[in-house]
Amino acid sequence: MADAKVIPFDDDRSRSGGAQRSARRRAAAGPAVGTAAVSALPGQQDAVLQVQEAGQGDGEPVEGAQARDGARRGGWDRRIAGGLAFLRRRVTGDYEVDEFGYDKELTDQVLMSVLRPMYEKYFRVEVKGIENIPSDGGALIVANHSGTLPLDGLMLQVAVHDNHPADRHLRLLAADLVFMMPVVNELARKAGHTLACAEDAERLLRQGEVVGVMPEGFKGIGKPFGDRYKLQRFGRGGFVSTALRAGVPIVPCSIVGAEEIYPMIGNAKTLARVLGIPYFPITPTFPWLGPLGAVPLPTKWTIQFGEPISTDGYPVEAAEDPMLMFNLTDQVREQIQHTLYKLLVQRRSVFF
C-alpha cells in the first residue's frame, strides 16, 4: 500500500504563512527520525488523494482566502479602533463645533449612519440632478414640504451628503418649534441646522455653505391628503431676498414620495391648540393603532434638483425690490410644481 502524507485537518493553513512553510519543509524532508510513515486506511486512498490535490495542486485559493480573512480582520480592527477614538474624543471634549453648533464628526459618523438605512432601504430614494448643486461656494436649495412629519428634510440632507461629488453638507433652516423641543433641539443643532431667519441664512451663505429652505412651512407639511403635491403659498419671498444679498444661486428641488407616508385625512384642531402644535394629524393608522400608527408607509421617493437660478447679475438694491421678489419667488415655485407633475407622471407606483 502506498504511503500517504499526513494531512493537517486542524486548519493550520489559515493561521500563518510561517507555519505553512515549516509544514512544507517537513513534508519535503520526509518523516522525522523515529516517526513512522502514516498509511491510508483501506478505502480511503481516493479521499486522501483528493485532499492532497486540493491542498497542493494550486495554492491560490488558500492564499486568497487568507488574504480575505486578513482584510476582514483588519477592517474590523480599524472600525473598532476608530470607534474607540471617537468615544475618547466625545468624553474628553476634543471635537469642534461651529458658531451654530454644527458637529461635523457626529453628523458624519452617527447621525447619517442612523438615517441612511431609512434613506436607502425603506424609502429607496432616487436622486436626480445632484450636479446642479455647485461644487463650492454658497447655494440656496428651495424644496417643497410635505408628509405630516418633516422626514423629507432629513432625507434631503442625506441625499446631498451621500451623493454630491464634492461631499457637500446641507444646512436646513428649521421652524421655531424644532428648537423648542429638548432632544430635537440638540440633534438639529448638531446636524448643522439653524433657525429660519434671514440673518442666520445669509451668514451661512456668505460662508460658502449649502442652505436648504422649505418655504411652505407648516402649511405644506400639514396639508390634507387631498391637496397632495399642490404647492402652498411660498410666503413673501424672504428666501429670494436672502439669496440676492448673498449673491448665491437658487436651486429648486422637487420631492416626490413624502406626501403618502402619513396620509392626513383629518386634523384635530382643538387637541392641537391644547398641545400647542400647528395641527394634530389623523391618518388611516394614527391614532387608532397607537405607536404602530406612527410608522411611515414605505413609499418610493424621488428627489430632483433643478437648474440653478442665478442671482449674481442683480444689483445690490435688487433685494429691496418687491416686484422682483414676487417674480423670482413665482419662478422658483412654478419650476418646483412643474417638476412635481412631471415626476408623478413618470412614477409607476407609490411604493415601487
Protein backbone atom coordinates (compact mmCIF):
# COMPACT_ATOMS: atom_id res chain seq x y z
CA MET A 1 0.00 0.00 0.00
CA ALA A 2 1.42 3.43 -0.97
CA ASP A 3 2.50 5.77 1.78
CA ALA A 4 0.49 8.95 2.22
CA LYS A 5 1.43 12.22 3.79
CA VAL A 6 -0.21 13.49 6.94
CA ILE A 7 -2.99 15.91 6.02
CA PRO A 8 -3.38 18.81 8.52
CA PHE A 9 -7.15 18.89 9.14
CA ASP A 10 -6.96 21.38 12.04
CA ASP A 11 -6.89 24.47 9.74
CA ASP A 12 -3.26 25.30 10.47
CA ARG A 13 -3.06 26.56 6.90
CA SER A 14 -5.20 29.59 7.77
CA ARG A 15 -3.12 30.59 10.79
CA SER A 16 0.16 31.88 9.40
CA GLY A 17 2.43 31.73 6.40
CA GLY A 18 5.34 30.66 8.63
CA ALA A 19 3.51 27.53 9.76
CA GLN A 20 2.80 26.63 6.14
CA ARG A 21 6.44 26.98 5.15
CA SER A 22 7.53 24.82 8.11
CA ALA A 23 4.98 22.15 7.17
CA ARG A 24 6.18 22.13 3.55
CA ARG A 25 9.81 21.79 4.63
CA ARG A 26 8.96 18.87 6.91
CA ALA A 27 6.97 17.18 4.15
CA ALA A 28 9.82 17.62 1.64
CA ALA A 29 12.37 16.20 4.06
CA GLY A 30 10.29 13.08 4.71
CA PRO A 31 9.28 11.62 8.07
CA ALA A 32 11.39 12.60 11.03
CA VAL A 33 13.70 10.12 12.73
CA GLY A 34 11.76 7.79 14.96
CA THR A 35 8.47 8.65 13.25
CA ALA A 36 6.77 6.04 11.09
CA ALA A 37 5.11 6.97 7.81
CA VAL A 38 1.33 7.11 8.08
CA SER A 39 -0.54 4.92 5.62
CA ALA A 40 -4.03 5.47 4.35
CA LEU A 41 -6.65 3.07 5.59
CA PRO A 42 -8.25 0.74 3.05
CA GLY A 43 -10.90 2.54 1.03
CA GLN A 44 -9.60 5.99 1.98
CA GLN A 45 -6.82 6.38 -0.58
CA ASP A 46 -9.05 8.28 -3.06
CA ALA A 47 -10.20 10.71 -0.37
CA VAL A 48 -6.60 11.34 0.71
CA LEU A 49 -5.51 11.96 -2.86
CA GLN A 50 -8.37 14.42 -3.35
CA VAL A 51 -7.37 16.33 -0.23
CA GLN A 52 -3.73 16.32 -1.38
CA GLU A 53 -4.69 17.66 -4.80
CA ALA A 54 -6.86 20.38 -3.26
CA GLY A 55 -4.09 21.45 -0.91
CA GLN A 56 -1.09 21.10 -3.23
CA GLY A 57 -2.43 21.46 -6.78
CA ASP A 58 -2.96 25.19 -6.58
CA GLY A 59 -2.06 27.46 -3.66
CA GLU A 60 -4.04 30.47 -4.89
CA PRO A 61 -7.45 29.62 -3.33
CA VAL A 62 -5.87 29.10 0.11
CA GLU A 63 -3.78 32.25 -0.11
CA GLY A 64 -6.75 34.21 -1.47
CA ALA A 65 -8.90 33.07 1.46
CA GLN A 66 -6.12 34.05 3.84
CA ALA A 67 -5.93 37.50 2.25
CA ARG A 68 -9.69 37.95 2.52
CA ASP A 69 -9.70 36.82 6.15
CA GLY A 70 -6.82 39.16 6.91
CA ALA A 71 -8.54 42.08 5.20
CA ARG A 72 -11.76 41.31 7.05
CA ARG A 73 -9.98 41.18 10.40
CA GLY A 74 -8.07 44.34 9.54
CA GLY A 75 -11.32 46.11 8.60
CA TRP A 76 -12.94 45.20 11.91
CA ASP A 77 -9.80 46.24 13.78
CA ARG A 78 -9.88 49.63 12.09
CA ARG A 79 -13.57 50.07 12.85
CA ILE A 80 -13.10 49.19 16.49
CA ALA A 81 -10.09 51.49 16.79
CA GLY A 82 -11.98 54.31 15.07
CA GLY A 83 -15.00 53.80 17.34
CA LEU A 84 -12.84 53.88 20.46
CA ALA A 85 -11.07 57.02 19.25
CA PHE A 86 -14.45 58.63 18.55
CA LEU A 87 -15.70 57.81 22.06
CA ARG A 88 -12.49 59.11 23.60
CA ARG A 89 -12.90 62.44 21.79
CA ARG A 90 -16.53 62.63 22.91
CA VAL A 91 -15.60 62.01 26.56
CA THR A 92 -12.64 64.41 26.59
CA GLY A 93 -14.40 67.10 24.55
CA ASP A 94 -11.71 67.01 21.88
CA TYR A 95 -14.00 67.86 18.95
CA GLU A 96 -15.10 71.01 17.16
CA VAL A 97 -18.45 72.68 16.58
CA ASP A 98 -19.04 75.88 14.63
CA GLU A 99 -20.85 79.00 15.83
CA PHE A 100 -24.23 77.41 15.04
CA GLY A 101 -23.47 74.23 16.97
CA TYR A 102 -22.76 72.05 13.92
CA ASP A 103 -20.76 68.94 14.86
CA LYS A 104 -19.39 67.53 11.61
CA GLU A 105 -17.85 64.41 13.12
CA LEU A 106 -21.01 63.41 14.99
CA THR A 107 -23.13 64.08 11.90
CA ASP A 108 -20.94 62.06 9.54
CA GLN A 109 -20.29 59.09 11.81
CA VAL A 110 -23.52 58.80 13.81
CA LEU A 111 -26.48 60.81 12.55
CA MET A 112 -26.01 59.96 8.86
CA SER A 113 -25.48 56.30 9.78
CA VAL A 114 -28.80 56.29 11.63
CA LEU A 115 -30.73 57.93 8.78
CA ARG A 116 -29.05 56.05 5.91
CA PRO A 117 -30.93 52.72 6.29
CA MET A 118 -34.28 54.55 6.07
CA TYR A 119 -32.99 56.52 3.08
CA GLU A 120 -31.55 53.54 1.18
CA LYS A 121 -33.69 50.56 2.22
CA TYR A 122 -37.03 51.91 3.39
CA PHE A 123 -37.78 54.85 1.10
CA ARG A 124 -35.27 53.76 -1.61
CA VAL A 125 -34.60 57.38 -2.53
CA GLU A 126 -33.59 58.11 -6.12
CA VAL A 127 -31.66 61.34 -6.64
CA LYS A 128 -31.58 63.29 -9.90
CA GLY A 129 -29.76 66.47 -10.89
CA ILE A 130 -27.29 66.48 -7.99
CA GLU A 131 -24.79 68.15 -10.33
CA ASN A 132 -26.95 71.30 -10.24
CA ILE A 133 -25.66 72.00 -6.71
CA PRO A 134 -22.40 73.95 -7.06
CA SER A 135 -19.19 72.19 -6.03
CA ASP A 136 -18.07 75.20 -3.99
CA GLY A 137 -19.48 78.45 -2.67
CA GLY A 138 -22.88 79.14 -1.23
CA ALA A 139 -26.17 77.91 -2.68
CA LEU A 140 -29.79 78.05 -1.55
CA ILE A 141 -31.86 74.90 -2.13
CA VAL A 142 -35.60 75.59 -2.14
CA ALA A 143 -37.82 72.48 -1.82
CA ASN A 144 -41.47 71.55 -1.39
CA HIS A 145 -42.52 70.39 2.08
CA SER A 146 -44.94 67.56 2.91
CA GLY A 147 -45.51 64.35 4.82
CA THR A 148 -47.12 65.35 8.18
CA LEU A 149 -43.76 64.81 9.90
CA PRO A 150 -40.65 66.52 8.45
CA LEU A 151 -38.88 63.39 7.25
CA ASP A 152 -38.45 64.97 3.82
CA GLY A 153 -35.94 67.45 5.24
CA LEU A 154 -33.87 64.65 6.76
CA MET A 155 -33.91 62.60 3.56
CA LEU A 156 -32.91 65.71 1.60
CA GLN A 157 -29.96 66.14 3.93
CA VAL A 158 -28.80 62.55 3.36
CA ALA A 159 -29.28 62.93 -0.41
CA VAL A 160 -26.88 65.87 -0.58
CA HIS A 161 -24.41 64.36 1.90
CA ASP A 162 -24.16 60.95 0.20
CA ASN A 163 -24.45 61.88 -3.47
CA HIS A 164 -22.69 65.16 -4.12
CA PRO A 165 -19.21 64.55 -5.63
CA ALA A 166 -17.74 67.44 -3.61
CA ASP A 167 -19.03 65.99 -0.30
CA ARG A 168 -21.21 68.99 0.43
CA HIS A 169 -23.39 69.21 3.53
CA LEU A 170 -26.88 70.70 3.68
CA ARG A 171 -27.72 73.20 6.43
CA LEU A 172 -31.50 73.37 6.79
CA LEU A 173 -33.46 76.35 8.08
CA ALA A 174 -35.98 74.99 10.58
CA ALA A 175 -39.08 76.40 12.29
CA ASP A 176 -39.13 77.72 15.86
CA LEU A 177 -40.95 74.60 17.08
CA VAL A 178 -37.92 72.43 16.25
CA PHE A 179 -35.73 74.40 18.65
CA MET A 180 -38.33 74.36 21.43
CA MET A 181 -38.21 70.58 21.79
CA PRO A 182 -35.47 69.44 24.21
CA VAL A 183 -33.87 66.46 22.44
CA VAL A 184 -34.77 67.52 18.89
CA ASN A 185 -33.23 70.94 19.52
CA GLU A 186 -29.81 69.46 20.37
CA LEU A 187 -29.83 67.00 17.48
CA ALA A 188 -30.86 69.69 14.99
CA ARG A 189 -28.03 71.96 16.11
CA LYS A 190 -25.51 69.12 15.98
CA ALA A 191 -26.68 68.22 12.46
CA GLY A 192 -25.95 71.76 11.29
CA HIS A 193 -29.45 73.21 11.11
CA THR A 194 -30.45 76.61 12.39
CA LEU A 195 -33.44 78.88 12.93
CA ALA A 196 -35.25 80.02 9.78
CA CYS A 197 -34.27 83.68 9.95
CA ALA A 198 -32.69 85.86 7.27
CA GLU A 199 -29.65 86.78 9.36
CA ASP A 200 -28.53 83.20 10.04
CA ALA A 201 -29.27 82.12 6.47
CA GLU A 202 -27.29 84.99 4.96
CA ARG A 203 -24.34 84.37 7.26
CA LEU A 204 -24.21 80.69 6.28
CA LEU A 205 -24.48 81.50 2.58
CA ARG A 206 -21.67 84.06 2.77
CA GLN A 207 -19.52 81.40 4.44
CA GLY A 208 -19.99 79.21 1.35
CA GLU A 209 -22.49 76.73 2.83
CA VAL A 210 -25.33 74.94 1.06
CA VAL A 211 -28.51 76.09 2.81
CA GLY A 212 -31.91 74.43 2.46
CA VAL A 213 -35.30 76.06 2.96
CA MET A 214 -38.88 74.80 2.59
CA PRO A 215 -40.97 77.98 2.23
CA GLU A 216 -44.35 76.22 2.59
CA GLY A 217 -43.60 75.59 6.26
CA PHE A 218 -46.42 74.07 8.31
CA LYS A 219 -48.91 74.90 5.56
CA GLY A 220 -47.17 72.36 3.36
CA ILE A 221 -46.31 69.65 5.82
CA GLY A 222 -49.76 69.72 7.45
CA LYS A 223 -51.97 69.94 4.38
CA PRO A 224 -54.68 67.29 3.89
CA PHE A 225 -54.05 64.27 1.69
CA GLY A 226 -56.50 65.57 -0.91
CA ASP A 227 -54.15 68.52 -1.59
CA ARG A 228 -51.04 66.37 -2.07
CA TYR A 229 -48.44 67.73 -4.47
CA LYS A 230 -50.23 71.07 -4.70
CA LEU A 231 -47.75 73.67 -3.50
CA GLN A 232 -48.96 76.07 -0.83
CA ARG A 233 -48.05 79.74 -0.64
CA PHE A 234 -44.30 80.45 -0.55
CA GLY A 235 -44.51 83.35 1.87
CA ARG A 236 -43.29 86.83 0.96
CA GLY A 237 -40.13 85.79 -0.87
CA GLY A 238 -37.75 86.22 2.03
CA PHE A 239 -35.54 83.39 0.76
CA VAL A 240 -35.14 85.19 -2.58
CA SER A 241 -34.07 88.38 -0.80
CA THR A 242 -31.51 86.42 1.22
CA ALA A 243 -30.08 84.76 -1.89
CA LEU A 244 -29.82 88.14 -3.65
CA ARG A 245 -27.97 89.72 -0.73
CA ALA A 246 -25.51 86.83 -0.56
CA GLY A 247 -25.19 86.61 -4.35
CA VAL A 248 -25.74 82.84 -4.45
CA PRO A 249 -27.76 80.71 -6.90
CA ILE A 250 -31.20 79.33 -6.03
CA VAL A 251 -31.59 75.58 -6.73
CA PRO A 252 -35.24 74.43 -6.96
CA CYS A 253 -35.83 70.95 -5.55
CA SER A 254 -38.84 68.66 -6.01
CA ILE A 255 -39.54 65.74 -3.65
CA VAL A 256 -42.00 63.00 -4.65
CA GLY A 257 -42.98 60.23 -2.24
CA ALA A 258 -43.17 62.09 1.05
CA GLU A 259 -46.83 63.04 0.60
CA GLU A 260 -48.01 59.45 1.07
CA ILE A 261 -46.01 58.36 4.13
CA TYR A 262 -48.74 59.63 6.51
CA PRO A 263 -51.96 60.23 4.53
CA MET A 264 -53.57 63.01 6.57
CA ILE A 265 -57.34 62.56 6.40
CA GLY A 266 -58.22 64.76 9.37
CA ASN A 267 -56.94 67.36 11.80
CA ALA A 268 -57.95 67.50 15.46
CA LYS A 269 -57.63 71.30 15.76
CA THR A 270 -58.86 71.54 19.35
CA LEU A 271 -56.35 68.97 20.54
CA ALA A 272 -53.64 70.73 18.53
CA ARG A 273 -54.38 74.04 20.31
CA VAL A 274 -54.26 72.31 23.71
CA LEU A 275 -50.89 70.75 22.88
CA GLY A 276 -49.56 73.97 21.37
CA ILE A 277 -48.76 72.46 17.97
CA PRO A 278 -49.82 73.62 14.48
CA TYR A 279 -52.00 70.57 13.80
CA PHE A 280 -52.81 67.15 15.19
CA PRO A 281 -52.90 64.68 12.27
CA ILE A 282 -55.41 61.91 11.86
CA THR A 283 -54.35 59.21 9.40
CA PRO A 284 -55.72 55.75 8.50
CA THR A 285 -53.37 54.29 11.13
CA PHE A 286 -52.88 57.08 13.69
CA PRO A 287 -54.00 57.35 16.47
CA TRP A 288 -56.03 54.15 16.03
CA LEU A 289 -53.01 51.79 16.12
CA GLY A 290 -51.15 53.67 18.83
CA PRO A 291 -47.35 53.74 18.38
CA LEU A 292 -47.62 51.47 15.33
CA GLY A 293 -49.63 54.17 13.63
CA ALA A 294 -46.56 56.42 13.71
CA VAL A 295 -44.64 54.09 11.38
CA PRO A 296 -44.50 55.75 7.93
CA LEU A 297 -45.62 53.88 4.84
CA PRO A 298 -42.68 52.57 2.74
CA THR A 299 -43.21 54.76 -0.31
CA LYS A 300 -40.70 55.12 -3.14
CA TRP A 301 -39.08 58.57 -3.18
CA THR A 302 -37.53 60.69 -5.91
CA ILE A 303 -35.60 63.89 -5.20
CA GLN A 304 -34.75 66.05 -8.21
CA PHE A 305 -32.60 69.18 -8.15
CA GLY A 306 -33.45 71.59 -10.94
CA GLU A 307 -31.39 74.05 -12.93
CA PRO A 308 -29.99 76.78 -10.64
CA ILE A 309 -31.37 80.30 -10.94
CA SER A 310 -28.52 82.80 -10.87
CA THR A 311 -28.76 85.92 -8.70
CA ASP A 312 -25.29 87.42 -9.06
CA GLY A 313 -26.35 89.58 -12.06
CA TYR A 314 -28.66 91.75 -9.99
CA PRO A 315 -27.57 94.99 -8.29
CA VAL A 316 -27.31 95.24 -4.51
CA GLU A 317 -30.54 97.24 -4.17
CA ALA A 318 -32.48 94.49 -6.02
CA ALA A 319 -33.08 92.73 -2.69
CA GLU A 320 -35.41 95.61 -1.73
CA ASP A 321 -37.50 95.47 -4.91
CA PRO A 322 -40.85 93.82 -4.01
CA MET A 323 -41.83 93.21 -7.66
CA LEU A 324 -38.57 91.39 -8.35
CA MET A 325 -39.06 89.35 -5.15
CA PHE A 326 -42.52 88.33 -6.33
CA ASN A 327 -41.35 87.38 -9.83
CA LEU A 328 -38.39 85.30 -8.68
CA THR A 329 -40.44 83.60 -5.97
CA ASP A 330 -43.11 82.71 -8.51
CA GLN A 331 -40.45 81.44 -10.94
CA VAL A 332 -39.00 79.09 -8.30
CA ARG A 333 -42.44 77.89 -7.22
CA GLU A 334 -43.57 77.20 -10.78
CA GLN A 335 -40.40 75.28 -11.57
CA ILE A 336 -40.86 73.05 -8.49
CA GLN A 337 -44.55 72.49 -9.26
CA HIS A 338 -43.88 71.62 -12.91
CA THR A 339 -41.19 69.12 -11.91
CA LEU A 340 -43.51 67.53 -9.36
CA TYR A 341 -46.15 66.91 -12.02
CA LYS A 342 -43.54 65.52 -14.39
CA LEU A 343 -42.18 63.10 -11.77
CA LEU A 344 -45.71 61.99 -10.85
CA VAL A 345 -46.45 61.13 -14.50
CA GLN A 346 -43.23 59.11 -14.71
CA ARG A 347 -43.88 57.26 -11.44
CA ARG A 348 -45.04 53.66 -11.88
CA SER A 349 -46.41 53.23 -8.36
CA VAL A 350 -46.48 54.90 -4.97
CA PHE A 351 -44.49 52.01 -3.49
CA PHE A 352 -42.30 50.84 -6.40
